[in-house]
Amino acid sequence: MTEQVTMQALQQRVDDYIGQFKEGYFPPFELLARLTEELGELSREVQDVYGQKKKKSTEEVNSIEEELGDFFFVLVCFANAQGIKLDEALLRVIHKFETRDKDRWTRKDGE
């Protein structure tokens, strides 16, 4: 079983890794470009698994999990570079959905 880690600990671990290099975090637009690139790679994996457009035999074999991890790493880099605590940001968004959109969708029976 994998050890549970907090979002703050993950952000700190990424920050410790990036902090050992003189270059540090990329500028915001470059991070956004890298995030977009990683989203494209994730999209390609989802398309291969669930869509009609399968990979060519010459394309690298990856997994949705691996590509989602790459996307998340760059997202954490972006948040860190902006001084954003992802756990707090996500909790605010969850609260927004739980209040604003609480009656938007059809609930399962008995709930």
PDB file of N, CA and C in Angstrom:
ATOM      1  N   MET A   1       0.846  -1.181   0.000  1.00  0.00           N
ATOM      2  CA  MET A   1       0.000   0.000   0.000  1.00  0.00           C
ATOM      3  C   MET A   1       0.887   1.240   0.000  1.00  0.00           C
ATOM      4  N   THR A   2       0.495   2.231  -0.751  1.00  0.00           N
ATOM      5  CA  THR A   2       1.256   3.462  -0.870  1.00  0.00           C
ATOM      6  C   THR A   2       0.930   4.391   0.288  1.00  0.00           C
ATOM      7  N   GLU A   3       1.956   5.054   0.794  1.00  0.00           N
ATOM      8  CA  GLU A   3       1.786   6.026   1.878  1.00  0.00           C
ATOM      9  C   GLU A   3       0.957   7.213   1.396  1.00  0.00           C
ATOM     10  N   GLN A   4       0.022   7.665   2.220  1.00  0.00           N
ATOM     11  CA  GLN A   4      -0.791   8.832   1.873  1.00  0.00           C
ATOM     12  C   GLN A   4       0.036  10.089   2.132  1.00  0.00           C
ATOM     13  N   VAL A   5      -0.040  11.018   1.201  1.00  0.00           N
ATOM     14  CA  VAL A   5       0.724  12.242   1.291  1.00  0.00           C
ATOM     15  C   VAL A   5      -0.228  13.424   1.106  1.00  0.00           C
ATOM     16  N   THR A   6      -0.010  14.483   1.850  1.00  0.00           N
ATOM     17  CA  THR A   6      -0.863  15.664   1.709  1.00  0.00           C
ATOM     18  C   THR A   6      -0.465  16.454   0.471  1.00  0.00           C
ATOM     19  N   MET A   7      -1.385  17.293   0.033  1.00  0.00           N
ATOM     20  CA  MET A   7      -1.102  18.169  -1.105  1.00  0.00           C
ATOM     21  C   MET A   7       0.053  19.108  -0.760  1.00  0.00           C
ATOM     22  N   GLN A   8       0.060  19.619   0.473  1.00  0.00           N
ATOM     23  CA  GLN A   8       1.139  20.519   0.891  1.00  0.00           C
ATOM     24  C   GLN A   8       2.484  19.814   0.817  1.00  0.00           C
ATOM     25  N   ALA A   9       2.532  18.548   1.238  1.00  0.00           N
ATOM     26  CA  ALA A   9       3.775  17.788   1.183  1.00  0.00           C
ATOM     27  C   ALA A   9       4.221  17.565  -0.265  1.00  0.00           C
ATOM     28  N   LEU A  10       3.253  17.297  -1.141  1.00  0.00           N
ATOM     29  CA  LEU A  10       3.590  17.120  -2.560  1.00  0.00           C
ATOM     30  C   LEU A  10       4.146  18.415  -3.148  1.00  0.00           C
ATOM     31  N   GLN A  11       3.481  19.533  -2.838  1.00  0.00           N
ATOM     32  CA  GLN A  11       3.965  20.813  -3.348  1.00  0.00           C
ATOM     33  C   GLN A  11       5.363  21.109  -2.813  1.00  0.00           C
ATOM     34  N   GLN A  12       5.606  20.778  -1.554  1.00  0.00           N
ATOM     35  CA  GLN A  12       6.930  21.017  -0.978  1.00  0.00           C
ATOM     36  C   GLN A  12       7.984  20.121  -1.630  1.00  0.00           C
ATOM     37  N   ARG A  13       7.632  18.881  -1.895  1.00  0.00           N
ATOM     38  CA  ARG A  13       8.581  17.966  -2.534  1.00  0.00           C
ATOM     39  C   ARG A  13       8.966  18.448  -3.930  1.00  0.00           C
ATOM     40  N   VAL A  14       7.971  18.916  -4.693  1.00  0.00           N
ATOM     41  CA  VAL A  14       8.256  19.478  -6.021  1.00  0.00           C
ATOM     42  C   VAL A  14       9.124  20.727  -5.874  1.00  0.00           C
ATOM     43  N   ASP A  15       8.790  21.574  -4.901  1.00  0.00           N
ATOM     44  CA  ASP A  15       9.560  22.789  -4.682  1.00  0.00           C
ATOM     45  C   ASP A  15      11.003  22.473  -4.291  1.00  0.00           C
ATOM     46  N   ASP A  16      11.190  21.456  -3.452  1.00  0.00           N
ATOM     47  CA  ASP A  16      12.543  21.039  -3.074  1.00  0.00           C
ATOM     48  C   ASP A  16      13.318  20.557  -4.296  1.00  0.00           C
ATOM     49  N   TYR A  17      12.659  19.810  -5.157  1.00  0.00           N
ATOM     50  CA  TYR A  17      13.310  19.312  -6.375  1.00  0.00           C
ATOM     51  C   TYR A  17      13.706  20.471  -7.283  1.00  0.00           C
ATOM     52  N   ILE A  18      12.760  21.352  -7.583  1.00  0.00           N
ATOM     53  CA  ILE A  18      13.029  22.477  -8.481  1.00  0.00           C
ATOM     54  C   ILE A  18      14.055  23.422  -7.864  1.00  0.00           C
ATOM     55  N   GLY A  19      13.999  23.583  -6.548  1.00  0.00           N
ATOM     56  CA  GLY A  19      14.880  24.503  -5.849  1.00  0.00           C
ATOM     57  C   GLY A  19      16.357  24.159  -5.904  1.00  0.00           C
ATOM     58  N   GLN A  20      16.697  22.954  -6.290  1.00  0.00           N
ATOM     59  CA  GLN A  20      18.105  22.568  -6.359  1.00  0.00           C
ATOM     60  C   GLN A  20      18.775  23.003  -7.664  1.00  0.00           C
ATOM     61  N   PHE A  21      18.006  23.595  -8.560  1.00  0.00           N
ATOM     62  CA  PHE A  21      18.539  24.038  -9.844  1.00  0.00           C
ATOM     63  C   PHE A  21      18.531  25.555  -9.936  1.00  0.00           C
ATOM     64  N   LYS A  22      19.576  26.122 -10.507  1.00  0.00           N
ATOM     65  CA  LYS A  22      19.692  27.576 -10.644  1.00  0.00           C
ATOM     66  C   LYS A  22      18.544  28.166 -11.454  1.00  0.00           C
ATOM     67  N   GLU A  23      18.057  27.425 -12.446  1.00  0.00           N
ATOM     68  CA  GLU A  23      17.006  27.935 -13.321  1.00  0.00           C
ATOM     69  C   GLU A  23      15.674  28.127 -12.588  1.00  0.00           C
ATOM     70  N   GLY A  24      15.412  27.315 -11.577  1.00  0.00           N
ATOM     71  CA  GLY A  24      14.155  27.406 -10.839  1.00  0.00           C
ATOM     72  C   GLY A  24      12.958  27.104 -11.722  1.00  0.00           C
ATOM     73  N   TYR A  25      11.818  27.677 -11.364  1.00  0.00           N
ATOM     74  CA  TYR A  25      10.601  27.459 -12.144  1.00  0.00           C
ATOM     75  C   TYR A  25      10.664  28.229 -13.453  1.00  0.00           C
ATOM     76  N   PHE A  26      10.040  27.662 -14.469  1.00  0.00           N
ATOM     77  CA  PHE A  26       9.928  28.360 -15.744  1.00  0.00           C
ATOM     78  C   PHE A  26       8.997  29.552 -15.579  1.00  0.00           C
ATOM     79  N   PRO A  27       9.083  30.533 -16.462  1.00  0.00           N
ATOM     80  CA  PRO A  27       8.149  31.661 -16.415  1.00  0.00           C
ATOM     81  C   PRO A  27       6.712  31.179 -16.670  1.00  0.00           C
ATOM     82  N   PRO A  28       5.712  31.975 -16.245  1.00  0.00           N
ATOM     83  CA  PRO A  28       4.305  31.541 -16.330  1.00  0.00           C
ATOM     84  C   PRO A  28       3.860  31.074 -17.717  1.00  0.00           C
ATOM     85  N   PHE A  29       4.213  31.800 -18.766  1.00  0.00           N
ATOM     86  CA  PHE A  29       3.745  31.386 -20.093  1.00  0.00           C
ATOM     87  C   PHE A  29       4.395  30.084 -20.541  1.00  0.00           C
ATOM     88  N   GLU A  30       5.637  29.866 -20.150  1.00  0.00           N
ATOM     89  CA  GLU A  30       6.287  28.603 -20.502  1.00  0.00           C
ATOM     90  C   GLU A  30       5.670  27.445 -19.719  1.00  0.00           C
ATOM     91  N   LEU A  31       5.358  27.679 -18.445  1.00  0.00           N
ATOM     92  CA  LEU A  31       4.678  26.644 -17.665  1.00  0.00           C
ATOM     93  C   LEU A  31       3.305  26.335 -18.251  1.00  0.00           C
ATOM     94  N   LEU A  32       2.612  27.359 -18.684  1.00  0.00           N
ATOM     95  CA  LEU A  32       1.302  27.154 -19.300  1.00  0.00           C
ATOM     96  C   LEU A  32       1.442  26.359 -20.603  1.00  0.00           C
ATOM     97  N   ALA A  33       2.468  26.655 -21.374  1.00  0.00           N
ATOM     98  CA  ALA A  33       2.713  25.905 -22.606  1.00  0.00           C
ATOM     99  C   ALA A  33       3.028  24.442 -22.291  1.00  0.00           C
ATOM    100  N   ARG A  34       3.828  24.215 -21.243  1.00  0.00           N
ATOM    101  CA  ARG A  34       4.152  22.843 -20.856  1.00  0.00           C
ATOM    102  C   ARG A  34       2.921  22.119 -20.340  1.00  0.00           C
ATOM    103  N   LEU A  35       2.065  22.831 -19.614  1.00  0.00           N
ATOM    104  CA  LEU A  35       0.823  22.240 -19.128  1.00  0.00           C
ATOM    105  C   LEU A  35      -0.064  21.833 -20.304  1.00  0.00           C
ATOM    106  N   THR A  36      -0.129  22.681 -21.301  1.00  0.00           N
ATOM    107  CA  THR A  36      -0.900  22.391 -22.510  1.00  0.00           C
ATOM    108  C   THR A  36      -0.322  21.178 -23.243  1.00  0.00           C
ATOM    109  N   GLU A  37       0.987  21.114 -23.319  1.00  0.00           N
ATOM    110  CA  GLU A  37       1.658  19.974 -23.958  1.00  0.00           C
ATOM    111  C   GLU A  37       1.316  18.676 -23.226  1.00  0.00           C
ATOM    112  N   GLU A  38       1.390  18.708 -21.901  1.00  0.00           N
ATOM    113  CA  GLU A  38       1.084  17.508 -21.119  1.00  0.00           C
ATOM    114  C   GLU A  38      -0.386  17.114 -21.260  1.00  0.00           C
ATOM    115  N   LEU A  39      -1.273  18.100 -21.339  1.00  0.00           N
ATOM    116  CA  LEU A  39      -2.692  17.807 -21.553  1.00  0.00           C
ATOM    117  C   LEU A  39      -2.889  17.132 -22.912  1.00  0.00           C
ATOM    118  N   GLY A  40      -2.153  17.578 -23.926  1.00  0.00           N
ATOM    119  CA  GLY A  40      -2.228  16.946 -25.235  1.00  0.00           C
ATOM    120  C   GLY A  40      -1.777  15.495 -25.192  1.00  0.00           C
ATOM    121  N   GLU A  41      -0.709  15.229 -24.433  1.00  0.00           N
ATOM    122  CA  GLU A  41      -0.224  13.852 -24.304  1.00  0.00           C
ATOM    123  C   GLU A  41      -1.227  12.985 -23.550  1.00  0.00           C
ATOM    124  N   LEU A  42      -1.850  13.552 -22.525  1.00  0.00           N
ATOM    125  CA  LEU A  42      -2.897  12.836 -21.797  1.00  0.00           C
ATOM    126  C   LEU A  42      -4.078  12.559 -22.720  1.00  0.00           C
ATOM    127  N   SER A  43      -4.454  13.554 -23.502  1.00  0.00           N
ATOM    128  CA  SER A  43      -5.563  13.393 -24.448  1.00  0.00           C
ATOM    129  C   SER A  43      -5.268  12.283 -25.451  1.00  0.00           C
ATOM    130  N   ARG A  44      -4.040  12.196 -25.878  1.00  0.00           N
ATOM    131  CA  ARG A  44      -3.655  11.164 -26.848  1.00  0.00           C
ATOM    132  C   ARG A  44      -3.816   9.770 -26.243  1.00  0.00           C
ATOM    133  N   GLU A  45      -3.446   9.630 -24.977  1.00  0.00           N
ATOM    134  CA  GLU A  45      -3.598   8.331 -24.315  1.00  0.00           C
ATOM    135  C   GLU A  45      -5.073   7.966 -24.143  1.00  0.00           C
ATOM    136  N   VAL A  46      -5.895   8.935 -23.744  1.00  0.00           N
ATOM    137  CA  VAL A  46      -7.330   8.683 -23.583  1.00  0.00           C
ATOM    138  C   VAL A  46      -7.939   8.299 -24.933  1.00  0.00           C
ATOM    139  N   GLN A  47      -7.528   8.990 -25.976  1.00  0.00           N
ATOM    140  CA  GLN A  47      -8.033   8.689 -27.326  1.00  0.00           C
ATOM    141  C   GLN A  47      -7.646   7.267 -27.731  1.00  0.00           C
ATOM    142  N   ASP A  48      -6.421   6.859 -27.387  1.00  0.00           N
ATOM    143  CA  ASP A  48      -5.963   5.524 -27.757  1.00  0.00           C
ATOM    144  C   ASP A  48      -6.754   4.445 -27.017  1.00  0.00           C
ATOM    145  N   VAL A  49      -7.044   4.690 -25.743  1.00  0.00           N
ATOM    146  CA  VAL A  49      -7.730   3.693 -24.935  1.00  0.00           C
ATOM    147  C   VAL A  49      -9.234   3.676 -25.204  1.00  0.00           C
ATOM    148  N   TYR A  50      -9.846   4.863 -25.288  1.00  0.00           N
ATOM    149  CA  TYR A  50     -11.304   4.936 -25.357  1.00  0.00           C
ATOM    150  C   TYR A  50     -11.858   5.435 -26.690  1.00  0.00           C
ATOM    151  N   GLY A  51     -11.039   6.057 -27.483  1.00  0.00           N
ATOM    152  CA  GLY A  51     -11.516   6.657 -28.717  1.00  0.00           C
ATOM    153  C   GLY A  51     -11.321   5.770 -29.929  1.00  0.00           C
ATOM    154  N   GLN A  52     -11.597   6.342 -31.072  1.00  0.00           N
ATOM    155  CA  GLN A  52     -11.482   5.592 -32.323  1.00  0.00           C
ATOM    156  C   GLN A  52     -10.093   5.689 -32.931  1.00  0.00           C
ATOM    157  N   LYS A  53      -9.337   6.729 -32.558  1.00  0.00           N
ATOM    158  CA  LYS A  53      -8.018   6.923 -33.156  1.00  0.00           C
ATOM    159  C   LYS A  53      -6.947   6.239 -32.300  1.00  0.00           C
ATOM    160  N   LYS A  54      -6.560   5.051 -32.729  1.00  0.00           N
ATOM    161  CA  LYS A  54      -5.568   4.269 -31.998  1.00  0.00           C
ATOM    162  C   LYS A  54      -4.159   4.721 -32.390  1.00  0.00           C
ATOM    163  N   LYS A  55      -3.219   4.432 -31.527  1.00  0.00           N
ATOM    164  CA  LYS A  55      -1.828   4.811 -31.783  1.00  0.00           C
ATOM    165  C   LYS A  55      -1.240   4.001 -32.926  1.00  0.00           C
ATOM    166  N   LYS A  56      -0.276   4.608 -33.583  1.00  0.00           N
ATOM    167  CA  LYS A  56       0.501   3.890 -34.591  1.00  0.00           C
ATOM    168  C   LYS A  56       1.525   3.028 -33.867  1.00  0.00           C
ATOM    169  N   SER A  57       2.011   2.021 -34.527  1.00  0.00           N
ATOM    170  CA  SER A  57       3.004   1.127 -33.911  1.00  0.00           C
ATOM    171  C   SER A  57       4.306   1.863 -33.597  1.00  0.00           C
ATOM    172  N   THR A  58       4.529   3.000 -34.244  1.00  0.00           N
ATOM    173  CA  THR A  58       5.752   3.765 -34.009  1.00  0.00           C
ATOM    174  C   THR A  58       5.630   4.732 -32.824  1.00  0.00           C
ATOM    175  N   GLU A  59       4.398   4.913 -32.297  1.00  0.00           N
ATOM    176  CA  GLU A  59       4.192   5.839 -31.188  1.00  0.00           C
ATOM    177  C   GLU A  59       4.554   5.175 -29.859  1.00  0.00           C
ATOM    178  N   GLU A  60       5.103   5.974 -28.954  1.00  0.00           N
ATOM    179  CA  GLU A  60       5.525   5.500 -27.645  1.00  0.00           C
ATOM    180  C   GLU A  60       4.329   4.991 -26.837  1.00  0.00           C
ATOM    181  N   VAL A  61       4.560   3.909 -26.117  1.00  0.00           N
ATOM    182  CA  VAL A  61       3.526   3.349 -25.262  1.00  0.00           C
ATOM    183  C   VAL A  61       3.623   4.012 -23.890  1.00  0.00           C
ATOM    184  N   ASN A  62       2.578   4.708 -23.488  1.00  0.00           N
ATOM    185  CA  ASN A  62       2.470   5.319 -22.171  1.00  0.00           C
ATOM    186  C   ASN A  62       1.148   4.893 -21.570  1.00  0.00           C
ATOM    187  N   SER A  63       0.824   5.438 -20.433  1.00  0.00           N
ATOM    188  CA  SER A  63      -0.456   5.118 -19.813  1.00  0.00           C
ATOM    189  C   SER A  63      -1.153   6.413 -19.423  1.00  0.00           C
ATOM    190  N   ILE A  64      -2.451   6.314 -19.249  1.00  0.00           N
ATOM    191  CA  ILE A  64      -3.212   7.472 -18.783  1.00  0.00           C
ATOM    192  C   ILE A  64      -2.661   7.911 -17.432  1.00  0.00           C
ATOM    193  N   GLU A  65      -2.363   6.957 -16.570  1.00  0.00           N
ATOM    194  CA  GLU A  65      -1.830   7.274 -15.240  1.00  0.00           C
ATOM    195  C   GLU A  65      -0.514   8.057 -15.334  1.00  0.00           C
ATOM    196  N   GLU A  66       0.385   7.600 -16.181  1.00  0.00           N
ATOM    197  CA  GLU A  66       1.679   8.279 -16.349  1.00  0.00           C
ATOM    198  C   GLU A  66       1.492   9.693 -16.885  1.00  0.00           C
ATOM    199  N   GLU A  67       0.648   9.843 -17.881  1.00  0.00           N
ATOM    200  CA  GLU A  67       0.435  11.168 -18.478  1.00  0.00           C
ATOM    201  C   GLU A  67      -0.296  12.098 -17.511  1.00  0.00           C
ATOM    202  N   LEU A  68      -1.215  11.558 -16.729  1.00  0.00           N
ATOM    203  CA  LEU A  68      -1.889  12.369 -15.718  1.00  0.00           C
ATOM    204  C   LEU A  68      -0.888  12.823 -14.652  1.00  0.00           C
ATOM    205  N   GLY A  69       0.044  11.943 -14.306  1.00  0.00           N
ATOM    206  CA  GLY A  69       1.108  12.307 -13.369  1.00  0.00           C
ATOM    207  C   GLY A  69       1.985  13.421 -13.912  1.00  0.00           C
ATOM    208  N   ASP A  70       2.340  13.346 -15.185  1.00  0.00           N
ATOM    209  CA  ASP A  70       3.141  14.406 -15.813  1.00  0.00           C
ATOM    210  C   ASP A  70       2.388  15.733 -15.791  1.00  0.00           C
ATOM    211  N   PHE A  71       1.098  15.672 -16.129  1.00  0.00           N
ATOM    212  CA  PHE A  71       0.267  16.877 -16.128  1.00  0.00           C
ATOM    213  C   PHE A  71       0.210  17.475 -14.725  1.00  0.00           C
ATOM    214  N   PHE A  72       0.000  16.623 -13.730  1.00  0.00           N
ATOM    215  CA  PHE A  72      -0.107  17.085 -12.357  1.00  0.00           C
ATOM    216  C   PHE A  72       1.200  17.700 -11.867  1.00  0.00           C
ATOM    217  N   PHE A  73       2.329  17.122 -12.234  1.00  0.00           N
ATOM    218  CA  PHE A  73       3.632  17.670 -11.849  1.00  0.00           C
ATOM    219  C   PHE A  73       3.783  19.102 -12.367  1.00  0.00           C
ATOM    220  N   VAL A  74       3.463  19.319 -13.623  1.00  0.00           N
ATOM    221  CA  VAL A  74       3.580  20.660 -14.193  1.00  0.00           C
ATOM    222  C   VAL A  74       2.553  21.593 -13.552  1.00  0.00           C
ATOM    223  N   LEU A  75       1.353  21.088 -13.260  1.00  0.00           N
ATOM    224  CA  LEU A  75       0.351  21.897 -12.568  1.00  0.00           C
ATOM    225  C   LEU A  75       0.865  22.334 -11.193  1.00  0.00           C
ATOM    226  N   VAL A  76       1.506  21.425 -10.467  1.00  0.00           N
ATOM    227  CA  VAL A  76       2.079  21.771  -9.165  1.00  0.00           C
ATOM    228  C   VAL A  76       3.196  22.802  -9.342  1.00  0.00           C
ATOM    229  N   CYS A  77       4.008  22.647 -10.364  1.00  0.00           N
ATOM    230  CA  CYS A  77       5.053  23.639 -10.642  1.00  0.00           C
ATOM    231  C   CYS A  77       4.438  25.016 -10.880  1.00  0.00           C
ATOM    232  N   PHE A  78       3.379  25.065 -11.660  1.00  0.00           N
ATOM    233  CA  PHE A  78       2.702  26.326 -11.957  1.00  0.00           C
ATOM    234  C   PHE A  78       2.151  26.950 -10.672  1.00  0.00           C
ATOM    235  N   ALA A  79       1.477  26.130  -9.860  1.00  0.00           N
ATOM    236  CA  ALA A  79       0.923  26.620  -8.599  1.00  0.00           C
ATOM    237  C   ALA A  79       2.026  27.125  -7.677  1.00  0.00           C
ATOM    238  N   ASN A  80       3.084  26.364  -7.552  1.00  0.00           N
ATOM    239  CA  ASN A  80       4.197  26.779  -6.693  1.00  0.00           C
ATOM    240  C   ASN A  80       4.795  28.097  -7.159  1.00  0.00           C
ATOM    241  N   ALA A  81       5.001  28.216  -8.451  1.00  0.00           N
ATOM    242  CA  ALA A  81       5.602  29.441  -8.997  1.00  0.00           C
ATOM    243  C   ALA A  81       4.704  30.651  -8.753  1.00  0.00           C
ATOM    244  N   GLN A  82       3.402  30.421  -8.633  1.00  0.00           N
ATOM    245  CA  GLN A  82       2.441  31.498  -8.387  1.00  0.00           C
ATOM    246  C   GLN A  82       2.117  31.673  -6.906  1.00  0.00           C
ATOM    247  N   GLY A  83       2.695  30.832  -6.053  1.00  0.00           N
ATOM    248  CA  GLY A  83       2.422  30.909  -4.629  1.00  0.00           C
ATOM    249  C   GLY A  83       1.016  30.463  -4.255  1.00  0.00           C
ATOM    250  N   ILE A  84       0.461  29.538  -5.027  1.00  0.00           N
ATOM    251  CA  ILE A  84      -0.902  29.047  -4.798  1.00  0.00           C
ATOM    252  C   ILE A  84      -0.845  27.725  -4.049  1.00  0.00           C
ATOM    253  N   LYS A  85      -1.622  27.627  -2.980  1.00  0.00           N
ATOM    254  CA  LYS A  85      -1.752  26.377  -2.241  1.00  0.00           C
ATOM    255  C   LYS A  85      -2.891  25.595  -2.877  1.00  0.00           C
ATOM    256  N   LEU A  86      -2.547  24.507  -3.546  1.00  0.00           N
ATOM    257  CA  LEU A  86      -3.549  23.759  -4.302  1.00  0.00           C
ATOM    258  C   LEU A  86      -4.641  23.171  -3.424  1.00  0.00           C
ATOM    259  N   ASP A  87      -4.315  22.769  -2.220  1.00  0.00           N
ATOM    260  CA  ASP A  87      -5.353  22.207  -1.358  1.00  0.00           C
ATOM    261  C   ASP A  87      -6.411  23.260  -1.037  1.00  0.00           C
ATOM    262  N   GLU A  88      -5.984  24.472  -0.758  1.00  0.00           N
ATOM    263  CA  GLU A  88      -6.936  25.546  -0.467  1.00  0.00           C
ATOM    264  C   GLU A  88      -7.745  25.923  -1.709  1.00  0.00           C
ATOM    265  N   ALA A  89      -7.083  25.977  -2.851  1.00  0.00           N
ATOM    266  CA  ALA A  89      -7.777  26.307  -4.100  1.00  0.00           C
ATOM    267  C   ALA A  89      -8.829  25.245  -4.420  1.00  0.00           C
ATOM    268  N   LEU A  90      -8.474  23.982  -4.262  1.00  0.00           N
ATOM    269  CA  LEU A  90      -9.411  22.901  -4.564  1.00  0.00           C
ATOM    270  C   LEU A  90     -10.585  22.894  -3.581  1.00  0.00           C
ATOM    271  N   LEU A  91     -10.311  23.133  -2.315  1.00  0.00           N
ATOM    272  CA  LEU A  91     -11.402  23.189  -1.338  1.00  0.00           C
ATOM    273  C   LEU A  91     -12.385  24.306  -1.651  1.00  0.00           C
ATOM    274  N   ARG A  92     -11.898  25.456  -2.104  1.00  0.00           N
ATOM    275  CA  ARG A  92     -12.793  26.551  -2.496  1.00  0.00           C
ATOM    276  C   ARG A  92     -13.665  26.146  -3.679  1.00  0.00           C
ATOM    277  N   VAL A  93     -13.080  25.461  -4.640  1.00  0.00           N
ATOM    278  CA  VAL A  93     -13.844  25.027  -5.812  1.00  0.00           C
ATOM    279  C   VAL A  93     -14.864  23.959  -5.434  1.00  0.00           C
ATOM    280  N   ILE A  94     -14.475  23.031  -4.576  1.00  0.00           N
ATOM    281  CA  ILE A  94     -15.427  22.007  -4.126  1.00  0.00           C
ATOM    282  C   ILE A  94     -16.606  22.671  -3.430  1.00  0.00           C
ATOM    283  N   HIS A  95     -16.332  23.631  -2.562  1.00  0.00           N
ATOM    284  CA  HIS A  95     -17.404  24.356  -1.879  1.00  0.00           C
ATOM    285  C   HIS A  95     -18.327  25.040  -2.888  1.00  0.00           C
ATOM    286  N   LYS A  96     -17.741  25.630  -3.906  1.00  0.00           N
ATOM    287  CA  LYS A  96     -18.537  26.292  -4.945  1.00  0.00           C
ATOM    288  C   LYS A  96     -19.481  25.293  -5.616  1.00  0.00           C
ATOM    289  N   PHE A  97     -18.969  24.122  -5.970  1.00  0.00           N
ATOM    290  CA  PHE A  97     -19.814  23.117  -6.615  1.00  0.00           C
ATOM    291  C   PHE A  97     -20.864  22.580  -5.664  1.00  0.00           C
ATOM    292  N   GLU A  98     -20.500  22.398  -4.394  1.00  0.00           N
ATOM    293  CA  GLU A  98     -21.451  21.861  -3.416  1.00  0.00           C
ATOM    294  C   GLU A  98     -22.571  22.847  -3.098  1.00  0.00           C
ATOM    295  N   THR A  99     -22.342  24.116  -3.313  1.00  0.00           N
ATOM    296  CA  THR A  99     -23.383  25.109  -3.033  1.00  0.00           C
ATOM    297  C   THR A  99     -24.068  25.571  -4.312  1.00  0.00           C
ATOM    298  N   ARG A 100     -23.329  26.118  -5.214  1.00  0.00           N
ATOM    299  CA  ARG A 100     -23.915  26.671  -6.442  1.00  0.00           C
ATOM    300  C   ARG A 100     -24.585  25.606  -7.295  1.00  0.00           C
ATOM    301  N   ASP A 101     -23.960  24.451  -7.391  1.00  0.00           N
ATOM    302  CA  ASP A 101     -24.460  23.410  -8.301  1.00  0.00           C
ATOM    303  C   ASP A 101     -25.112  22.237  -7.583  1.00  0.00           C
ATOM    304  N   LYS A 102     -25.506  22.437  -6.315  1.00  0.00           N
ATOM    305  CA  LYS A 102     -26.031  21.307  -5.538  1.00  0.00           C
ATOM    306  C   LYS A 102     -27.303  20.698  -6.135  1.00  0.00           C
ATOM    307  N   ASP A 103     -28.074  21.481  -6.851  1.00  0.00           N
ATOM    308  CA  ASP A 103     -29.311  20.973  -7.440  1.00  0.00           C
ATOM    309  C   ASP A 103     -29.253  20.912  -8.965  1.00  0.00           C
ATOM    310  N   ARG A 104     -28.076  21.018  -9.508  1.00  0.00           N
ATOM    311  CA  ARG A 104     -27.927  21.078 -10.965  1.00  0.00           C
ATOM    312  C   ARG A 104     -28.074  19.706 -11.627  1.00  0.00           C
ATOM    313  N   TRP A 105     -27.639  18.663 -10.960  1.00  0.00           N
ATOM    314  CA  TRP A 105     -27.605  17.337 -11.563  1.00  0.00           C
ATOM    315  C   TRP A 105     -28.637  16.427 -10.925  1.00  0.00           C
ATOM    316  N   THR A 106     -28.994  15.368 -11.622  1.00  0.00           N
ATOM    317  CA  THR A 106     -29.964  14.406 -11.127  1.00  0.00           C
ATOM    318  C   THR A 106     -29.275  13.496 -10.116  1.00  0.00           C
ATOM    319  N   ARG A 107     -29.809  13.485  -8.910  1.00  0.00           N
ATOM    320  CA  ARG A 107     -29.233  12.659  -7.842  1.00  0.00           C
ATOM    321  C   ARG A 107     -29.600  11.190  -8.046  1.00  0.00           C
ATOM    322  N   LYS A 108     -28.737  10.317  -7.566  1.00  0.00           N
ATOM    323  CA  LYS A 108     -29.034   8.889  -7.580  1.00  0.00           C
ATOM    324  C   LYS A 108     -30.191   8.630  -6.626  1.00  0.00           C
ATOM    325  N   ASP A 109     -30.939   7.577  -6.865  1.00  0.00           N
ATOM    326  CA  ASP A 109     -32.082   7.236  -6.002  1.00  0.00           C
ATOM    327  C   ASP A 109     -31.637   7.086  -4.554  1.00  0.00           C
ATOM    328  N   GLY A 110     -32.456   7.633  -3.647  1.00  0.00           N
ATOM    329  CA  GLY A 110     -32.185   7.482  -2.224  1.00  0.00           C
ATOM    330  C   GLY A 110     -31.169   8.424  -1.650  1.00  0.00           C
ATOM    331  N   GLU A 111     -30.698   9.376  -2.425  1.00  0.00           N
ATOM    332  CA  GLU A 111     -29.684  10.307  -1.909  1.00  0.00           C
ATOM    333  C   GLU A 111     -30.190  11.720  -1.921  1.00  0.00           C
TER     334      GLU A 111
END
